[in-house]
Amino acid sequence: MAADDQPNSNRNNAASNKGKKRKFLPHGKPVRKGLYPLKPGVQGFFITCDGGRERQASNEAISLLDTFYEELVFGKDSTKSKTVPSKPMNKITKFEDSDSSGDEDEDDSRQKEEAEEKEVVDEHAEKSEATPEKSEDTPEKSEDTPKKSEDTPEQSEDTPEKSEDTPAKKRRLEADAPTSDTTYCGKSKDKSIDDLIEDELKEMGDRNKRHFVSLDSGCNGCIFIQMHKSAGDPGPASIVQHMMNSAASTRKHMSRFILRVVPAEVTCYTSEEEISKAIKPLIEQHFPTEAPCPQKFAVLFEARAHTGIDRMKIINAVAKSVPQPHKVDLNKPDKTIIVQVAKTICMIGVVEKYKELSKYNLRQLTTPQQ
């Protein structure tokens, strides 16, 4: 009987599985791209990080770049507020309706009040001793004092009403007063606080108004931070150089997921013609023809997710674009031209002391030496 029941059970399982749909992986579908992919014609930073931690690394990179950008523009003491007092103000704030005040505070306040009252009494006593002649006339004037005291309650009743109206009147006068041409933090005082908050939120939401914005590099373990540079601002190379110098001097841990930070001063499509055209202004900036002393340089090439490119052709195209007084030296170069390729985008940047600063690896620079 058991043998006869087994085929029936198998048939029931097969019948139940016919209604279920089998799920297959979509091998034929294209890979989903980010909302803001990396495109040619932008400046920024090409950063390598731990695989699967691209989002956390981009947030860390933006905060780091903001701090070092402010240090270059405003100085190292820009984060410290100038209005901080030299000595702490040990003042106790007390509220009338609060029940949190302790008995010790009440005793201290009573002692202070009693001391102040004693001081006032002593002052009056000293004044009365100094002026004995006027004490004879005081009884005559004391007869008139009760009359004034009778009128004082009426005035005292009206005083609270005036005191209550004064702040409201001041607010109305300030509201009705003509607005001046002065500005506060670059914004006019005509706008209310709500309008100013809305404007700040709009600026934070607008990606074009931010200094640093993350873009999708298209490669695992790699991120790209775009920099919106204005006139007079330091470039990506100077920010990265300042970051690496401070990391090498302080040995202070700065991030958890970031590995290497390389400036991308020029971005273009990966071809010899496009690279030779886009690199001309960068070469003129770092390798001028009329330099007093020639500089030694080296070219470093790395490619990711791109197999149809000849490495030596790109290196030769970059090296030929440098004018003649400057020479190639792979052992001890003064400057290194870093060429990074991610899919179809080529990123080029010029750095100094590449080997001395652990190839711009932030994690190796901040690890304590053994």
Protein backbone atom coordinates (compact mmCIF):
# COMPACT_ATOMS: atom_id res chain seq x y z
CA MET A 1 0.00 0.00 0.00
CA ALA A 2 2.87 2.36 0.77
CA ALA A 3 4.34 1.69 -2.65
CA ASP A 4 1.02 2.50 -4.30
CA ASP A 5 0.71 5.82 -2.38
CA GLN A 6 4.15 7.15 -3.48
CA PRO A 7 3.31 7.62 -7.19
CA ASN A 8 0.06 9.35 -6.26
CA SER A 9 1.92 11.83 -4.04
CA ASN A 10 4.42 12.57 -6.81
CA ARG A 11 1.58 13.23 -9.22
CA ASN A 12 -0.04 15.68 -6.78
CA ASN A 13 3.23 17.58 -6.31
CA ALA A 14 3.75 17.84 -10.07
CA ALA A 15 0.21 19.14 -10.52
CA SER A 16 0.69 21.79 -7.84
CA ASN A 17 4.01 22.95 -9.37
CA LYS A 18 2.41 23.49 -12.78
CA GLY A 19 0.49 26.51 -11.48
CA LYS A 20 3.62 28.25 -10.15
CA LYS A 21 5.74 30.45 -12.43
CA ARG A 22 9.46 29.87 -12.48
CA LYS A 23 11.62 32.93 -11.87
CA PHE A 24 14.72 33.46 -14.00
CA LEU A 25 17.41 36.15 -13.79
CA PRO A 26 17.08 38.88 -16.48
CA HIS A 27 20.37 38.20 -18.23
CA GLY A 28 19.28 39.96 -21.42
CA LYS A 29 18.20 43.23 -19.79
CA PRO A 30 20.62 46.20 -19.63
CA VAL A 31 22.17 47.23 -16.33
CA ARG A 32 20.30 49.99 -14.55
CA LYS A 33 22.26 53.24 -14.54
CA GLY A 34 22.26 56.00 -11.95
CA LEU A 35 20.20 59.16 -12.16
CA TYR A 36 23.27 61.35 -12.68
CA PRO A 37 25.88 59.48 -14.75
CA LEU A 38 29.39 60.74 -15.33
CA LYS A 39 29.73 62.78 -18.53
CA PRO A 40 32.65 64.56 -20.24
CA GLY A 41 33.32 68.24 -19.60
CA VAL A 42 33.14 68.24 -15.79
CA GLN A 43 35.73 68.73 -13.05
CA GLY A 44 35.91 66.83 -9.82
CA PHE A 45 37.50 63.94 -7.96
CA PHE A 46 37.83 60.29 -8.88
CA ILE A 47 37.73 58.25 -5.67
CA THR A 48 38.14 54.54 -5.06
CA CYS A 49 36.38 52.93 -2.09
CA ASP A 50 35.36 49.59 -0.63
CA GLY A 51 33.06 47.57 -2.87
CA GLY A 52 29.40 47.94 -1.99
CA ARG A 53 30.01 51.09 0.09
CA GLU A 54 29.77 53.65 -2.71
CA ARG A 55 26.93 55.60 -1.13
CA GLN A 56 28.61 55.91 2.28
CA ALA A 57 31.92 56.79 0.63
CA SER A 58 30.31 59.56 -1.44
CA ASN A 59 28.81 61.13 1.69
CA GLU A 60 32.16 60.98 3.47
CA ALA A 61 33.96 62.42 0.47
CA ILE A 62 31.60 65.40 0.20
CA SER A 63 32.00 66.25 3.88
CA LEU A 64 35.80 65.92 3.67
CA LEU A 65 36.04 68.04 0.54
CA ASP A 66 33.86 70.71 2.14
CA THR A 67 36.14 70.98 5.17
CA PHE A 68 39.37 71.18 3.17
CA TYR A 69 37.80 73.61 0.70
CA GLU A 70 36.85 75.93 3.58
CA GLU A 71 40.35 75.64 5.02
CA LEU A 72 41.88 76.77 1.75
CA VAL A 73 39.43 79.63 1.23
CA PHE A 74 38.85 80.92 4.78
CA GLY A 75 41.83 79.49 6.66
CA LYS A 76 42.24 76.72 9.22
CA ASP A 77 40.41 78.64 11.99
CA SER A 78 37.26 79.11 9.90
CA THR A 79 35.33 76.45 11.82
CA LYS A 80 35.89 78.19 15.16
CA SER A 81 33.40 80.94 15.93
CA LYS A 82 34.88 84.36 16.64
CA THR A 83 32.28 85.26 19.28
CA VAL A 84 33.31 82.56 21.78
CA PRO A 85 34.19 84.24 25.10
CA SER A 86 37.62 83.66 26.62
CA LYS A 87 36.09 82.79 30.02
CA PRO A 88 32.97 80.70 30.57
CA MET A 89 29.89 82.58 31.67
CA ASN A 90 28.61 80.74 34.76
CA LYS A 91 25.19 82.31 34.78
CA ILE A 92 22.16 80.41 36.05
CA THR A 93 18.96 80.92 34.08
CA LYS A 94 15.86 80.69 36.23
CA PHE A 95 12.26 80.48 35.09
CA GLU A 96 9.34 81.57 37.22
CA ASP A 97 6.97 78.79 36.18
CA SER A 98 9.50 75.95 36.22
CA ASP A 99 9.60 73.43 39.07
CA SER A 100 13.08 72.12 38.24
CA SER A 101 14.97 74.67 40.38
CA GLY A 102 16.52 73.07 43.47
CA ASP A 103 16.56 74.20 47.06
CA GLU A 104 20.22 75.13 46.86
CA ASP A 105 19.57 77.64 44.08
CA GLU A 106 16.73 79.19 46.09
CA ASP A 107 18.94 79.52 49.18
CA ASP A 108 21.69 81.16 47.15
CA SER A 109 19.24 83.62 45.61
CA ARG A 110 17.82 84.52 49.04
CA GLN A 111 21.28 85.10 50.45
CA LYS A 112 22.14 87.37 47.54
CA GLU A 113 18.92 89.35 47.97
CA GLU A 114 19.54 89.78 51.70
CA ALA A 115 23.10 90.97 51.04
CA GLU A 116 21.86 93.49 48.50
CA GLU A 117 19.21 94.79 50.92
CA LYS A 118 21.86 95.23 53.63
CA GLU A 119 24.03 97.20 51.25
CA VAL A 120 21.14 99.52 50.37
CA VAL A 121 20.31 100.09 54.05
CA ASP A 122 23.93 100.89 54.84
CA GLU A 123 24.08 103.39 51.99
CA HIS A 124 20.92 105.17 53.25
CA ALA A 125 22.33 105.25 56.79
CA GLU A 126 25.57 106.82 55.61
CA LYS A 127 23.68 109.46 53.64
CA SER A 128 21.44 110.32 56.62
CA GLU A 129 24.49 110.75 58.86
CA ALA A 130 26.17 112.99 56.35
CA THR A 131 23.13 115.33 56.09
CA PRO A 132 21.81 115.98 59.66
CA GLU A 133 20.56 119.54 58.91
CA LYS A 134 17.90 118.32 56.47
CA SER A 135 16.48 115.90 59.04
CA GLU A 136 14.75 118.84 60.84
CA ASP A 137 12.72 119.66 57.76
CA THR A 138 11.59 116.13 57.16
CA PRO A 139 8.54 116.22 59.56
CA GLU A 140 7.05 119.22 57.73
CA LYS A 141 7.34 117.45 54.39
CA SER A 142 6.03 114.21 55.82
CA GLU A 143 2.58 115.81 56.23
CA ASP A 144 2.29 116.22 52.50
CA THR A 145 3.49 112.76 51.70
CA PRO A 146 0.22 110.94 52.54
CA LYS A 147 -1.62 113.01 49.97
CA LYS A 148 0.74 111.82 47.31
CA SER A 149 0.51 108.28 48.54
CA GLU A 150 -3.25 108.35 48.01
CA ASP A 151 -2.78 109.23 44.38
CA THR A 152 -0.10 106.65 43.77
CA PRO A 153 -2.41 103.61 43.60
CA GLU A 154 -4.30 105.12 40.69
CA GLN A 155 -1.08 105.59 38.79
CA SER A 156 0.10 102.12 39.74
CA GLU A 157 -3.04 100.63 38.26
CA ASP A 158 -2.38 102.27 34.94
CA THR A 159 1.29 101.34 34.76
CA PRO A 160 0.83 97.64 33.95
CA GLU A 161 -1.39 98.49 31.02
CA LYS A 162 1.28 100.75 29.59
CA SER A 163 3.96 98.15 30.17
CA GLU A 164 1.88 95.55 28.38
CA ASP A 165 1.34 97.81 25.38
CA THR A 166 4.96 98.86 24.96
CA PRO A 167 6.34 95.64 23.37
CA ALA A 168 3.41 95.41 20.98
CA LYS A 169 3.83 99.04 19.98
CA LYS A 170 7.54 98.51 19.42
CA ARG A 171 6.82 95.58 17.12
CA ARG A 172 4.30 97.61 15.14
CA LEU A 173 6.72 100.51 14.82
CA GLU A 174 9.47 98.18 13.64
CA ALA A 175 7.10 96.57 11.12
CA ASP A 176 5.89 99.94 9.81
CA ALA A 177 9.38 101.45 9.70
CA PRO A 178 10.96 101.74 6.21
CA THR A 179 13.35 98.93 5.40
CA SER A 180 16.99 99.81 4.93
CA ASP A 181 19.29 98.73 2.13
CA THR A 182 21.46 96.66 4.44
CA THR A 183 21.76 92.93 3.86
CA TYR A 184 22.17 89.97 6.18
CA CYS A 185 24.35 87.09 4.98
CA GLY A 186 23.97 88.32 1.41
CA LYS A 187 20.17 88.45 1.61
CA SER A 188 17.93 91.49 2.09
CA LYS A 189 16.04 92.09 5.32
CA ASP A 190 12.79 92.68 3.39
CA LYS A 191 12.15 88.93 3.35
CA SER A 192 10.70 87.18 6.34
CA ILE A 193 12.36 84.30 8.15
CA ASP A 194 10.11 81.75 6.45
CA ASP A 195 11.05 83.05 3.01
CA LEU A 196 14.76 82.92 3.85
CA ILE A 197 14.43 79.33 5.08
CA GLU A 198 12.61 78.35 1.88
CA ASP A 199 15.34 79.96 -0.24
CA GLU A 200 18.04 78.03 1.65
CA LEU A 201 16.15 74.76 1.21
CA LYS A 202 15.83 75.42 -2.52
CA GLU A 203 19.57 76.06 -2.76
CA MET A 204 20.28 72.81 -0.92
CA GLY A 205 17.94 70.91 -3.23
CA ASP A 206 19.40 72.45 -6.39
CA ARG A 207 22.41 70.36 -7.43
CA ASN A 208 23.83 73.13 -9.62
CA LYS A 209 24.30 75.45 -6.62
CA ARG A 210 26.24 72.95 -4.50
CA HIS A 211 30.02 72.94 -4.45
CA PHE A 212 30.30 69.14 -4.55
CA VAL A 213 27.84 66.64 -6.07
CA SER A 214 28.17 62.87 -6.46
CA LEU A 215 27.90 61.30 -9.92
CA ASP A 216 27.59 57.66 -10.96
CA SER A 217 30.95 56.44 -12.27
CA GLY A 218 29.49 53.19 -13.61
CA CYS A 219 32.11 51.01 -11.89
CA ASN A 220 31.97 49.10 -8.64
CA GLY A 221 34.20 50.48 -5.92
CA CYS A 222 34.57 53.86 -7.69
CA ILE A 223 32.77 57.16 -7.19
CA PHE A 224 33.04 60.57 -8.79
CA ILE A 225 32.44 63.88 -6.98
CA GLN A 226 31.75 66.79 -9.30
CA MET A 227 32.95 70.26 -8.28
CA HIS A 228 31.15 73.43 -9.36
CA LYS A 229 34.11 75.78 -9.51
CA SER A 230 33.66 79.54 -9.67
CA ALA A 231 36.20 82.26 -10.39
CA GLY A 232 38.88 82.50 -7.73
CA ASP A 233 38.13 79.14 -6.10
CA PRO A 234 40.89 76.54 -5.66
CA GLY A 235 40.88 73.71 -8.17
CA PRO A 236 40.57 69.99 -7.51
CA ALA A 237 44.34 69.48 -7.62
CA SER A 238 45.04 72.05 -4.89
CA ILE A 239 42.27 70.63 -2.65
CA VAL A 240 43.57 67.07 -2.99
CA GLN A 241 47.15 68.20 -2.42
CA HIS A 242 46.14 70.02 0.76
CA MET A 243 44.18 66.97 1.94
CA MET A 244 47.09 64.58 1.43
CA ASN A 245 49.63 66.90 3.05
CA SER A 246 47.48 67.33 6.15
CA ALA A 247 46.82 63.57 6.33
CA ALA A 248 50.54 62.80 6.08
CA SER A 249 51.45 65.35 8.76
CA THR A 250 48.70 64.61 11.30
CA ARG A 251 48.15 60.87 10.68
CA LYS A 252 44.56 61.46 11.76
CA HIS A 253 41.85 58.99 10.71
CA MET A 254 39.46 60.77 8.32
CA SER A 255 37.20 58.19 6.69
CA ARG A 256 36.09 54.58 6.83
CA PHE A 257 35.44 53.66 3.20
CA ILE A 258 37.60 55.98 1.05
CA LEU A 259 40.85 54.61 -0.38
CA ARG A 260 42.39 56.83 -3.06
CA VAL A 261 41.47 60.41 -4.00
CA VAL A 262 42.69 61.66 -7.39
CA PRO A 263 41.81 65.02 -8.99
CA ALA A 264 40.03 64.98 -12.34
CA GLU A 265 40.76 68.37 -13.89
CA VAL A 266 39.81 67.25 -17.41
CA THR A 267 37.16 64.72 -18.49
CA CYS A 268 36.58 63.61 -22.06
CA TYR A 269 35.79 60.55 -24.14
CA THR A 270 38.42 57.82 -24.33
CA SER A 271 40.14 58.36 -27.69
CA GLU A 272 43.51 59.73 -28.74
CA GLU A 273 42.02 62.73 -30.56
CA GLU A 274 39.72 63.75 -27.70
CA ILE A 275 42.46 63.36 -25.10
CA SER A 276 45.00 65.41 -27.08
CA LYS A 277 42.44 68.24 -27.51
CA ALA A 278 41.21 68.30 -23.92
CA ILE A 279 44.64 68.11 -22.28
CA LYS A 280 46.11 71.24 -23.91
CA PRO A 281 44.93 73.83 -21.32
CA LEU A 282 45.95 71.52 -18.48
CA ILE A 283 49.47 71.09 -19.89
CA GLU A 284 49.84 74.86 -20.38
CA GLN A 285 48.89 75.40 -16.75
CA HIS A 286 51.27 72.86 -15.19
CA PHE A 287 54.04 72.69 -17.83
CA PRO A 288 54.57 76.15 -19.34
CA THR A 289 57.04 76.46 -22.20
CA GLU A 290 58.85 79.46 -20.68
CA ALA A 291 59.51 77.80 -17.33
CA PRO A 292 62.76 78.87 -15.58
CA CYS A 293 63.66 75.26 -14.75
CA PRO A 294 62.40 72.16 -16.58
CA GLN A 295 60.30 69.70 -14.63
CA LYS A 296 60.36 65.93 -14.62
CA PHE A 297 57.07 64.13 -15.16
CA ALA A 298 55.60 60.64 -15.47
CA VAL A 299 52.35 59.33 -16.93
CA LEU A 300 50.24 56.82 -15.01
CA PHE A 301 47.41 55.00 -16.81
CA GLU A 302 44.62 52.88 -15.31
CA ALA A 303 41.50 51.54 -17.05
CA ARG A 304 38.31 50.02 -15.63
CA ALA A 305 35.46 48.35 -17.53
CA HIS A 306 37.11 49.20 -20.86
CA THR A 307 39.03 46.54 -22.80
CA GLY A 308 39.14 47.97 -26.32
CA ILE A 309 41.85 50.55 -25.72
CA ASP A 310 45.60 50.45 -26.23
CA ARG A 311 47.43 51.54 -23.08
CA MET A 312 50.67 52.64 -24.76
CA LYS A 313 48.88 54.78 -27.35
CA ILE A 314 47.19 56.85 -24.65
CA ILE A 315 50.44 57.21 -22.68
CA ASN A 316 52.36 58.32 -25.77
CA ALA A 317 49.62 60.82 -26.71
CA VAL A 318 49.77 62.41 -23.26
CA ALA A 319 53.57 62.46 -23.15
CA LYS A 320 53.85 64.09 -26.58
CA SER A 321 51.55 66.93 -25.53
CA VAL A 322 54.10 68.12 -22.93
CA PRO A 323 56.54 70.69 -24.46
CA GLN A 324 60.24 70.04 -24.90
CA PRO A 325 62.00 71.68 -21.90
CA HIS A 326 60.30 69.19 -19.60
CA LYS A 327 61.51 65.59 -19.55
CA VAL A 328 60.18 62.18 -18.61
CA ASP A 329 61.50 60.57 -15.43
CA LEU A 330 59.72 57.48 -14.11
CA ASN A 331 61.90 57.08 -11.02
CA LYS A 332 61.72 60.54 -9.34
CA PRO A 333 59.19 62.72 -11.16
CA ASP A 334 58.30 66.20 -9.92
CA LYS A 335 54.73 65.84 -11.19
CA THR A 336 52.64 62.86 -12.24
CA ILE A 337 49.95 62.95 -14.91
CA ILE A 338 47.27 60.45 -13.83
CA VAL A 339 44.97 59.12 -16.54
CA GLN A 340 41.94 57.19 -15.25
CA VAL A 341 39.47 55.48 -17.62
CA ALA A 342 36.04 54.34 -16.44
CA LYS A 343 34.03 52.78 -19.28
CA THR A 344 34.01 55.45 -22.03
CA ILE A 345 35.08 58.44 -19.90
CA CYS A 346 38.72 59.49 -19.48
CA MET A 347 39.75 61.61 -16.45
CA ILE A 348 43.11 63.40 -16.29
CA GLY A 349 44.78 65.18 -13.38
CA VAL A 350 48.25 66.41 -12.40
CA VAL A 351 49.57 65.80 -8.87
CA GLU A 352 52.80 66.26 -6.96
CA LYS A 353 54.70 63.79 -4.73
CA TYR A 354 52.61 60.87 -5.88
CA LYS A 355 54.90 58.11 -4.59
CA GLU A 356 55.96 59.98 -1.45
CA LEU A 357 52.30 60.36 -0.38
CA SER A 358 51.50 56.64 -0.69
CA LYS A 359 49.99 57.06 -4.16
CA TYR A 360 47.31 59.34 -2.68
CA ASN A 361 45.84 56.49 -0.66
CA LEU A 362 44.11 58.16 2.27
CA ARG A 363 43.86 54.98 4.30
CA GLN A 364 47.56 54.22 4.11
CA LEU A 365 48.50 57.79 4.99
CA THR A 366 46.32 57.82 8.11
CA THR A 367 47.31 54.39 9.44
CA PRO A 368 49.80 54.66 12.34
CA GLN A 369 53.35 53.72 11.49
CA GLN A 370 54.70 50.60 13.22
